[in-house]
Amino acid sequence: MTIAKNVEAILKMVGDRTVVAATKYVGPKEMRELYAAGITNMGENRVDQLLWKQSELTDLPITWHFIGSLQSNKVKLVADKIDFLHSLDRLSLAEAIQKYFSSPLKCFVEVHVSGEASKSGVEPEMASAFCENLAKYDKIQIVGLMGMAPLTDDKFVILGCFRKLEELRREIQAKNWSHAPCPYLSMGMSNDFKLAMECNATHLRLGSILFRNGD
């Protein structure tokens, strides 16, 4: 009952925010436990794992999120099979989505707010222009921004990254672009989601905290 107890505690803590379970390290069995406990949004990092897990869970009306980096040449494999993409960061990926998806895909634009070379995303000063340039792709709807803070114990560094992303989202939302209503913020993982909540995160990508053994 560990997963059920973990989920109960987390859902009570996060209120009306959406928990996207990062299921990279678990299989269909654990995902069924998550669903039964009340988490219906699942996030995958790899195309092959997404397709396999979807095939094993066809009986569950899961909302599927792709939360890893998506290669343009693999877009056709997930076309119309995911509900949200959290990592739109280049026009070549937008072009592939436009080509292969038959209905609009809800996308978060990934913004490089951490400053770490190992992380990807649109540079913050380019985020608004990038979103504006996506207007010509009618198979893309920008529902928000996604970002990751660096792995650090310095909460002020983490809060700085999240606040920057929140500020950018407000700026883009204020443009009133029909293709980019941008109401959401995807930020916060198991180690920093409480700080993300302070900065108005709407989608929390949680992994280990859902599966760890109870105290």
C-alpha atoms as a PDB file:
ATOM      1  CA  MET A   1       0.000   0.000   0.000  1.00  0.00           C
ATOM      2  CA  THR A   2       3.059   2.271  -0.113  1.00  0.00           C
ATOM      3  CA  ILE A   3       2.124   3.930  -3.411  1.00  0.00           C
ATOM      4  CA  ALA A   4      -1.465   4.506  -2.294  1.00  0.00           C
ATOM      5  CA  LYS A   5      -0.342   6.112   0.965  1.00  0.00           C
ATOM      6  CA  ASN A   6       2.250   8.259  -0.798  1.00  0.00           C
ATOM      7  CA  VAL A   7      -0.276   9.449  -3.358  1.00  0.00           C
ATOM      8  CA  GLU A   8      -2.858  10.240  -0.691  1.00  0.00           C
ATOM      9  CA  ALA A   9      -0.347  12.426   1.168  1.00  0.00           C
ATOM     10  CA  ILE A  10       0.883  14.179  -1.974  1.00  0.00           C
ATOM     11  CA  LEU A  11      -2.583  14.917  -3.361  1.00  0.00           C
ATOM     12  CA  LYS A  12      -3.598  16.399  -0.028  1.00  0.00           C
ATOM     13  CA  MET A  13      -0.488  18.588  -0.101  1.00  0.00           C
ATOM     14  CA  VAL A  14      -0.747  19.892  -3.679  1.00  0.00           C
ATOM     15  CA  GLY A  15      -4.429  20.797  -3.740  1.00  0.00           C
ATOM     16  CA  ASP A  16      -5.823  21.493  -7.188  1.00  0.00           C
ATOM     17  CA  ARG A  17      -2.460  21.267  -8.980  1.00  0.00           C
ATOM     18  CA  THR A  18      -1.961  18.491 -11.511  1.00  0.00           C
ATOM     19  CA  VAL A  19       0.450  15.730 -10.514  1.00  0.00           C
ATOM     20  CA  VAL A  20       2.115  14.190 -13.543  1.00  0.00           C
ATOM     21  CA  ALA A  21       3.651  10.910 -12.412  1.00  0.00           C
ATOM     22  CA  ALA A  22       7.147  10.538 -13.867  1.00  0.00           C
ATOM     23  CA  THR A  23       7.041   6.795 -14.549  1.00  0.00           C
ATOM     24  CA  LYS A  24      10.481   6.350 -16.109  1.00  0.00           C
ATOM     25  CA  TYR A  25      11.611   3.769 -13.551  1.00  0.00           C
ATOM     26  CA  VAL A  26       8.371   1.847 -12.998  1.00  0.00           C
ATOM     27  CA  GLY A  27       6.213  -0.455 -15.064  1.00  0.00           C
ATOM     28  CA  PRO A  28       2.520  -0.944 -15.798  1.00  0.00           C
ATOM     29  CA  LYS A  29       1.858  -2.646 -12.452  1.00  0.00           C
ATOM     30  CA  GLU A  30       2.933   0.400 -10.443  1.00  0.00           C
ATOM     31  CA  MET A  31       1.141   2.690 -12.869  1.00  0.00           C
ATOM     32  CA  ARG A  32      -2.091   0.823 -12.228  1.00  0.00           C
ATOM     33  CA  GLU A  33      -1.556   1.399  -8.512  1.00  0.00           C
ATOM     34  CA  LEU A  34      -1.034   5.108  -9.168  1.00  0.00           C
ATOM     35  CA  TYR A  35      -4.213   5.293 -11.202  1.00  0.00           C
ATOM     36  CA  ALA A  36      -6.226   3.466  -8.564  1.00  0.00           C
ATOM     37  CA  ALA A  37      -4.887   5.928  -5.968  1.00  0.00           C
ATOM     38  CA  GLY A  38      -6.078   8.926  -7.975  1.00  0.00           C
ATOM     39  CA  ILE A  39      -3.262   9.927 -10.335  1.00  0.00           C
ATOM     40  CA  THR A  40      -4.485   9.833 -13.924  1.00  0.00           C
ATOM     41  CA  ASN A  41      -1.713  11.865 -15.583  1.00  0.00           C
ATOM     42  CA  MET A  42       1.384   9.849 -16.526  1.00  0.00           C
ATOM     43  CA  GLY A  43       4.621  11.241 -17.915  1.00  0.00           C
ATOM     44  CA  GLU A  44       7.173   9.304 -19.957  1.00  0.00           C
ATOM     45  CA  ASN A  45      10.689  10.241 -21.072  1.00  0.00           C
ATOM     46  CA  ARG A  46      11.282   7.704 -23.826  1.00  0.00           C
ATOM     47  CA  VAL A  47       9.209   6.894 -26.890  1.00  0.00           C
ATOM     48  CA  ASP A  48       9.698   3.111 -26.726  1.00  0.00           C
ATOM     49  CA  GLN A  49       8.672   2.991 -23.062  1.00  0.00           C
ATOM     50  CA  LEU A  50       5.655   5.195 -23.724  1.00  0.00           C
ATOM     51  CA  LEU A  51       4.378   2.946 -26.497  1.00  0.00           C
ATOM     52  CA  TRP A  52       4.958  -0.233 -24.481  1.00  0.00           C
ATOM     53  CA  LYS A  53       3.223   1.085 -21.377  1.00  0.00           C
ATOM     54  CA  GLN A  54       0.317   2.423 -23.413  1.00  0.00           C
ATOM     55  CA  SER A  55      -0.146  -1.021 -24.950  1.00  0.00           C
ATOM     56  CA  GLU A  56      -0.280  -2.554 -21.471  1.00  0.00           C
ATOM     57  CA  LEU A  57      -2.741  -0.007 -20.079  1.00  0.00           C
ATOM     58  CA  THR A  58      -5.289   0.378 -22.857  1.00  0.00           C
ATOM     59  CA  ASP A  59      -8.133  -0.199 -20.402  1.00  0.00           C
ATOM     60  CA  LEU A  60      -7.290   2.917 -18.380  1.00  0.00           C
ATOM     61  CA  PRO A  61      -8.232   6.429 -19.636  1.00  0.00           C
ATOM     62  CA  ILE A  62      -4.826   7.866 -18.773  1.00  0.00           C
ATOM     63  CA  THR A  63      -3.821  11.387 -19.802  1.00  0.00           C
ATOM     64  CA  TRP A  64      -0.396  10.884 -21.384  1.00  0.00           C
ATOM     65  CA  HIS A  65       2.387  13.437 -21.082  1.00  0.00           C
ATOM     66  CA  PHE A  66       5.746  13.248 -22.839  1.00  0.00           C
ATOM     67  CA  ILE A  67       8.149  14.926 -20.433  1.00  0.00           C
ATOM     68  CA  GLY A  68      11.533  14.059 -21.926  1.00  0.00           C
ATOM     69  CA  SER A  69      13.375  15.497 -24.880  1.00  0.00           C
ATOM     70  CA  LEU A  70      11.597  14.406 -28.053  1.00  0.00           C
ATOM     71  CA  GLN A  71      13.625  13.876 -31.207  1.00  0.00           C
ATOM     72  CA  SER A  72      11.991  15.244 -34.337  1.00  0.00           C
ATOM     73  CA  ASN A  73      12.436  11.933 -36.158  1.00  0.00           C
ATOM     74  CA  LYS A  74      10.401  10.131 -33.476  1.00  0.00           C
ATOM     75  CA  VAL A  75       7.397  12.461 -33.519  1.00  0.00           C
ATOM     76  CA  LYS A  76       5.590  10.251 -36.025  1.00  0.00           C
ATOM     77  CA  LEU A  77       5.728   7.369 -33.515  1.00  0.00           C
ATOM     78  CA  VAL A  78       3.794   9.324 -30.886  1.00  0.00           C
ATOM     79  CA  ALA A  79       1.504  11.242 -33.239  1.00  0.00           C
ATOM     80  CA  ASP A  80      -1.982  11.485 -31.689  1.00  0.00           C
ATOM     81  CA  LYS A  81      -0.838   9.188 -28.852  1.00  0.00           C
ATOM     82  CA  ILE A  82       0.117  11.855 -26.317  1.00  0.00           C
ATOM     83  CA  ASP A  83      -2.036  14.573 -24.801  1.00  0.00           C
ATOM     84  CA  PHE A  84       0.721  16.937 -23.646  1.00  0.00           C
ATOM     85  CA  LEU A  85       4.330  17.604 -24.611  1.00  0.00           C
ATOM     86  CA  HIS A  86       6.462  19.325 -21.973  1.00  0.00           C
ATOM     87  CA  SER A  87       9.609  19.882 -24.048  1.00  0.00           C
ATOM     88  CA  LEU A  88       8.904  21.961 -27.139  1.00  0.00           C
ATOM     89  CA  ASP A  89      12.144  23.889 -27.611  1.00  0.00           C
ATOM     90  CA  ARG A  90      12.876  24.241 -31.334  1.00  0.00           C
ATOM     91  CA  LEU A  91      11.099  24.962 -34.592  1.00  0.00           C
ATOM     92  CA  SER A  92      12.209  21.677 -36.197  1.00  0.00           C
ATOM     93  CA  LEU A  93      10.223  19.836 -33.537  1.00  0.00           C
ATOM     94  CA  ALA A  94       7.226  22.104 -34.150  1.00  0.00           C
ATOM     95  CA  GLU A  95       7.440  21.321 -37.871  1.00  0.00           C
ATOM     96  CA  ALA A  96       7.424  17.578 -37.178  1.00  0.00           C
ATOM     97  CA  ILE A  97       4.377  17.936 -34.921  1.00  0.00           C
ATOM     98  CA  GLN A  98       2.630  19.957 -37.606  1.00  0.00           C
ATOM     99  CA  LYS A  99       3.379  17.230 -40.145  1.00  0.00           C
ATOM    100  CA  TYR A 100       2.313  14.171 -38.184  1.00  0.00           C
ATOM    101  CA  PHE A 101      -0.398  15.205 -35.716  1.00  0.00           C
ATOM    102  CA  SER A 102      -3.979  15.310 -36.960  1.00  0.00           C
ATOM    103  CA  SER A 103      -5.285  17.445 -34.083  1.00  0.00           C
ATOM    104  CA  PRO A 104      -3.643  20.171 -31.972  1.00  0.00           C
ATOM    105  CA  LEU A 105      -1.139  18.983 -29.380  1.00  0.00           C
ATOM    106  CA  LYS A 106      -1.043  20.805 -26.050  1.00  0.00           C
ATOM    107  CA  CYS A 107       2.562  21.892 -25.612  1.00  0.00           C
ATOM    108  CA  PHE A 108       4.683  23.434 -22.894  1.00  0.00           C
ATOM    109  CA  VAL A 109       7.596  25.428 -24.239  1.00  0.00           C
ATOM    110  CA  GLU A 110      10.729  24.357 -22.392  1.00  0.00           C
ATOM    111  CA  VAL A 111      12.740  27.334 -21.152  1.00  0.00           C
ATOM    112  CA  HIS A 112      16.372  27.080 -20.090  1.00  0.00           C
ATOM    113  CA  VAL A 113      16.114  28.866 -16.743  1.00  0.00           C
ATOM    114  CA  SER A 114      18.674  26.787 -14.818  1.00  0.00           C
ATOM    115  CA  GLY A 115      21.764  28.082 -16.622  1.00  0.00           C
ATOM    116  CA  GLU A 116      23.164  24.536 -16.657  1.00  0.00           C
ATOM    117  CA  ALA A 117      24.763  23.394 -19.899  1.00  0.00           C
ATOM    118  CA  SER A 118      23.349  19.896 -19.412  1.00  0.00           C
ATOM    119  CA  LYS A 119      19.767  21.135 -19.643  1.00  0.00           C
ATOM    120  CA  SER A 120      18.011  22.150 -22.838  1.00  0.00           C
ATOM    121  CA  GLY A 121      15.360  24.709 -23.661  1.00  0.00           C
ATOM    122  CA  VAL A 122      14.765  28.081 -25.247  1.00  0.00           C
ATOM    123  CA  GLU A 123      16.826  30.847 -23.670  1.00  0.00           C
ATOM    124  CA  PRO A 124      14.623  33.046 -21.440  1.00  0.00           C
ATOM    125  CA  GLU A 125      15.142  36.189 -23.501  1.00  0.00           C
ATOM    126  CA  MET A 126      13.948  34.311 -26.605  1.00  0.00           C
ATOM    127  CA  ALA A 127      10.906  32.610 -25.062  1.00  0.00           C
ATOM    128  CA  SER A 128       8.317  35.196 -26.080  1.00  0.00           C
ATOM    129  CA  ALA A 129       9.582  35.457 -29.663  1.00  0.00           C
ATOM    130  CA  PHE A 130       9.714  31.676 -29.930  1.00  0.00           C
ATOM    131  CA  CYS A 131       6.081  31.393 -28.822  1.00  0.00           C
ATOM    132  CA  GLU A 132       5.062  34.113 -31.256  1.00  0.00           C
ATOM    133  CA  ASN A 133       6.733  32.222 -34.116  1.00  0.00           C
ATOM    134  CA  LEU A 134       4.618  29.150 -33.370  1.00  0.00           C
ATOM    135  CA  ALA A 135       1.421  30.874 -34.499  1.00  0.00           C
ATOM    136  CA  LYS A 136       1.675  29.383 -37.989  1.00  0.00           C
ATOM    137  CA  TYR A 137       1.464  25.810 -36.685  1.00  0.00           C
ATOM    138  CA  ASP A 138      -2.198  24.974 -36.201  1.00  0.00           C
ATOM    139  CA  LYS A 139      -1.376  21.563 -34.715  1.00  0.00           C
ATOM    140  CA  ILE A 140       0.277  23.220 -31.716  1.00  0.00           C
ATOM    141  CA  GLN A 141      -1.352  24.961 -28.778  1.00  0.00           C
ATOM    142  CA  ILE A 142       0.985  26.534 -26.242  1.00  0.00           C
ATOM    143  CA  VAL A 143      -0.597  25.831 -22.871  1.00  0.00           C
ATOM    144  CA  GLY A 144       2.330  26.886 -20.724  1.00  0.00           C
ATOM    145  CA  LEU A 145       6.036  26.931 -19.984  1.00  0.00           C
ATOM    146  CA  MET A 146       8.209  24.189 -18.533  1.00  0.00           C
ATOM    147  CA  GLY A 147      11.491  24.584 -16.725  1.00  0.00           C
ATOM    148  CA  MET A 148      13.898  22.814 -14.407  1.00  0.00           C
ATOM    149  CA  ALA A 149      15.921  24.272 -11.579  1.00  0.00           C
ATOM    150  CA  PRO A 150      19.514  23.156 -10.993  1.00  0.00           C
ATOM    151  CA  LEU A 151      20.192  20.325  -8.573  1.00  0.00           C
ATOM    152  CA  THR A 152      21.171  22.313  -5.507  1.00  0.00           C
ATOM    153  CA  ASP A 153      20.289  22.679  -1.844  1.00  0.00           C
ATOM    154  CA  ASP A 154      20.177  26.474  -2.222  1.00  0.00           C
ATOM    155  CA  LYS A 155      16.467  27.206  -2.182  1.00  0.00           C
ATOM    156  CA  PHE A 156      17.028  30.811  -3.247  1.00  0.00           C
ATOM    157  CA  VAL A 157      18.673  29.646  -6.480  1.00  0.00           C
ATOM    158  CA  ILE A 158      15.769  27.282  -7.124  1.00  0.00           C
ATOM    159  CA  LEU A 159      13.165  29.947  -6.337  1.00  0.00           C
ATOM    160  CA  GLY A 160      14.968  32.350  -8.655  1.00  0.00           C
ATOM    161  CA  CYS A 161      14.607  29.924 -11.557  1.00  0.00           C
ATOM    162  CA  PHE A 162      10.957  29.228 -10.853  1.00  0.00           C
ATOM    163  CA  ARG A 163      10.107  32.912 -10.421  1.00  0.00           C
ATOM    164  CA  LYS A 164      11.780  33.705 -13.717  1.00  0.00           C
ATOM    165  CA  LEU A 165       9.646  31.089 -15.443  1.00  0.00           C
ATOM    166  CA  GLU A 166       6.503  32.407 -13.747  1.00  0.00           C
ATOM    167  CA  GLU A 167       7.346  35.939 -14.901  1.00  0.00           C
ATOM    168  CA  LEU A 168       7.872  34.782 -18.498  1.00  0.00           C
ATOM    169  CA  ARG A 169       4.585  32.907 -18.482  1.00  0.00           C
ATOM    170  CA  ARG A 170       2.740  36.023 -17.321  1.00  0.00           C
ATOM    171  CA  GLU A 171       4.387  38.079 -20.063  1.00  0.00           C
ATOM    172  CA  ILE A 172       3.356  35.615 -22.769  1.00  0.00           C
ATOM    173  CA  GLN A 173      -0.156  35.200 -21.423  1.00  0.00           C
ATOM    174  CA  ALA A 174      -0.547  38.978 -21.470  1.00  0.00           C
ATOM    175  CA  LYS A 175       0.015  38.960 -25.244  1.00  0.00           C
ATOM    176  CA  ASN A 176      -3.405  37.286 -25.640  1.00  0.00           C
ATOM    177  CA  TRP A 177      -2.227  35.127 -28.527  1.00  0.00           C
ATOM    178  CA  SER A 178      -4.942  32.658 -29.499  1.00  0.00           C
ATOM    179  CA  HIS A 179      -2.386  29.926 -30.201  1.00  0.00           C
ATOM    180  CA  ALA A 180      -0.611  30.496 -26.882  1.00  0.00           C
ATOM    181  CA  PRO A 181      -3.051  31.107 -24.021  1.00  0.00           C
ATOM    182  CA  CYS A 182      -0.281  29.869 -21.710  1.00  0.00           C
ATOM    183  CA  PRO A 183      -2.221  29.338 -18.462  1.00  0.00           C
ATOM    184  CA  TYR A 184       0.047  26.617 -17.050  1.00  0.00           C
ATOM    185  CA  LEU A 185       3.479  26.200 -15.469  1.00  0.00           C
ATOM    186  CA  SER A 186       5.158  22.784 -15.516  1.00  0.00           C
ATOM    187  CA  MET A 187       7.878  22.912 -12.885  1.00  0.00           C
ATOM    188  CA  GLY A 188       8.833  21.122  -9.734  1.00  0.00           C
ATOM    189  CA  MET A 189      10.020  17.559  -9.219  1.00  0.00           C
ATOM    190  CA  SER A 190      10.272  15.346  -6.150  1.00  0.00           C
ATOM    191  CA  ASN A 191      13.128  17.345  -4.622  1.00  0.00           C
ATOM    192  CA  ASP A 192      11.812  20.864  -5.227  1.00  0.00           C
ATOM    193  CA  PHE A 193       8.058  20.741  -5.896  1.00  0.00           C
ATOM    194  CA  LYS A 194       7.181  22.605  -2.690  1.00  0.00           C
ATOM    195  CA  LEU A 195       9.250  25.570  -3.882  1.00  0.00           C
ATOM    196  CA  ALA A 196       7.602  25.318  -7.306  1.00  0.00           C
ATOM    197  CA  MET A 197       4.210  25.517  -5.619  1.00  0.00           C
ATOM    198  CA  GLU A 198       5.272  28.812  -4.013  1.00  0.00           C
ATOM    199  CA  CYS A 199       5.768  30.135  -7.555  1.00  0.00           C
ATOM    200  CA  ASN A 200       2.348  29.044  -8.828  1.00  0.00           C
ATOM    201  CA  ALA A 201       3.288  25.795 -10.553  1.00  0.00           C
ATOM    202  CA  THR A 202       0.209  24.103 -12.011  1.00  0.00           C
ATOM    203  CA  HIS A 203       1.818  20.828 -13.148  1.00  0.00           C
ATOM    204  CA  LEU A 204       4.243  18.964 -10.890  1.00  0.00           C
ATOM    205  CA  ARG A 205       6.353  16.188 -12.449  1.00  0.00           C
ATOM    206  CA  LEU A 206       6.817  13.805  -9.541  1.00  0.00           C
ATOM    207  CA  GLY A 207       8.678  10.516  -9.566  1.00  0.00           C
ATOM    208  CA  SER A 208      10.547   9.028  -6.619  1.00  0.00           C
ATOM    209  CA  ILE A 209       8.389  10.648  -3.955  1.00  0.00           C
ATOM    210  CA  LEU A 210       5.418   8.628  -5.222  1.00  0.00           C
ATOM    211  CA  PHE A 211       7.222   5.295  -5.053  1.00  0.00           C
ATOM    212  CA  ARG A 212       9.546   5.492  -2.056  1.00  0.00           C
ATOM    213  CA  ASN A 213       9.042   3.248   0.956  1.00  0.00           C
ATOM    214  CA  GLY A 214       7.058   4.744   3.771  1.00  0.00           C
ATOM    215  CA  ASP A 215       8.721   6.171   6.857  1.00  0.00           C
END
